[in-house]
Amino acid sequence: MVVVHRAHGFRFVIYTLDHEPAHVHITGAGQAKINLLGPDGAPEVVSSIGIKRSDMRPLIAETIARRDDFLQEWERIHGRRN
């Protein structure tokens, strides 16, 4: 597990033994999974458990703002994306 970012009281994590597509897990007061490249190219929320909707908005915005950094980290950990 590699913590790639911290914001708003949450950790943005990429697991070393994880699977495609490239995504981050967000942990803190609840957890979420966000694919970094959704069908339209923008990040998309896959799941969210225990995180209030009002807390998800800044987490999604943070993921959008740092998506390219997260993708670079994904490639560093897992190799090139397909």
Protein backbone atom coordinates (compact mmCIF):
# COMPACT_ATOMS: atom_id res chain seq x y z
CA MET A 1 0.00 0.00 0.00
CA VAL A 2 1.39 3.37 -1.04
CA VAL A 3 -0.14 6.59 0.29
CA VAL A 4 0.12 8.93 -2.68
CA HIS A 5 -1.68 11.92 -1.17
CA ARG A 6 -3.44 13.21 1.95
CA ALA A 7 -6.21 15.79 1.95
CA HIS A 8 -9.36 16.69 3.87
CA GLY A 9 -8.55 14.12 6.57
CA PHE A 10 -8.36 11.25 4.05
CA ARG A 11 -5.56 9.19 2.51
CA PHE A 12 -5.36 8.50 -1.22
CA VAL A 13 -3.86 5.03 -1.63
CA ILE A 14 -2.66 2.78 -4.44
CA TYR A 15 -2.28 -0.88 -3.48
CA THR A 16 0.81 -2.60 -4.83
CA LEU A 17 -0.99 -5.88 -5.60
CA ASP A 18 -4.02 -4.32 -7.28
CA HIS A 19 -5.65 -4.67 -10.69
CA GLU A 20 -6.50 -2.52 -13.71
CA PRO A 21 -8.04 -0.09 -14.43
CA ALA A 22 -5.87 2.53 -12.74
CA HIS A 23 -7.63 3.77 -9.61
CA VAL A 24 -7.13 5.15 -6.11
CA HIS A 25 -8.68 4.07 -2.85
CA ILE A 26 -9.61 6.83 -0.43
CA THR A 27 -9.63 5.94 3.26
CA GLY A 28 -10.49 7.85 6.39
CA ALA A 29 -13.96 8.26 7.88
CA GLY A 30 -15.22 5.72 5.34
CA GLN A 31 -13.76 4.55 2.07
CA ALA A 32 -14.14 5.08 -1.65
CA LYS A 33 -12.67 3.83 -4.90
CA ILE A 34 -12.24 6.16 -7.88
CA ASN A 35 -11.14 5.05 -11.35
CA LEU A 36 -8.69 7.60 -12.70
CA LEU A 37 -9.89 7.26 -16.29
CA GLY A 38 -13.64 6.79 -16.63
CA PRO A 39 -15.43 6.25 -19.97
CA ASP A 40 -15.27 9.97 -20.79
CA GLY A 41 -11.64 10.30 -19.65
CA ALA A 42 -12.51 11.94 -16.33
CA PRO A 43 -12.22 10.17 -12.96
CA GLU A 44 -15.35 8.25 -11.93
CA VAL A 45 -16.50 7.08 -8.52
CA VAL A 46 -16.79 3.29 -8.41
CA SER A 47 -17.90 2.99 -4.79
CA SER A 48 -18.25 4.97 -1.60
CA ILE A 49 -19.06 3.54 1.82
CA GLY A 50 -19.43 5.65 4.93
CA ILE A 51 -18.34 8.96 3.38
CA LYS A 52 -20.90 11.73 3.44
CA ARG A 53 -21.86 13.18 0.08
CA SER A 54 -20.67 16.61 1.26
CA ASP A 55 -17.24 15.07 2.01
CA MET A 56 -17.09 13.27 -1.35
CA ARG A 57 -17.29 16.49 -3.38
CA PRO A 58 -13.87 17.83 -2.30
CA LEU A 59 -12.36 14.34 -2.57
CA ILE A 60 -13.55 14.03 -6.16
CA ALA A 61 -12.26 17.53 -6.92
CA GLU A 62 -8.90 16.59 -5.38
CA THR A 63 -8.75 13.44 -7.53
CA ILE A 64 -9.52 15.45 -10.67
CA ALA A 65 -6.84 18.03 -9.80
CA ARG A 66 -4.19 15.37 -9.09
CA ARG A 67 -5.24 12.72 -11.61
CA ASP A 68 -2.08 13.01 -13.74
CA ASP A 69 0.12 12.65 -10.62
CA PHE A 70 -1.90 9.62 -9.50
CA LEU A 71 -1.59 8.05 -12.97
CA GLN A 72 2.19 8.52 -12.85
CA GLU A 73 2.27 6.84 -9.44
CA TRP A 74 0.09 3.99 -10.75
CA GLU A 75 2.56 3.46 -13.62
CA ARG A 76 5.53 3.62 -11.25
CA ILE A 77 3.97 0.94 -9.03
CA HIS A 78 2.31 -1.28 -11.66
CA GLY A 79 4.06 -0.48 -14.94
CA ARG A 80 2.56 1.05 -18.07
CA ARG A 81 -1.20 1.14 -18.47
CA ASN A 82 -2.76 -0.71 -21.40
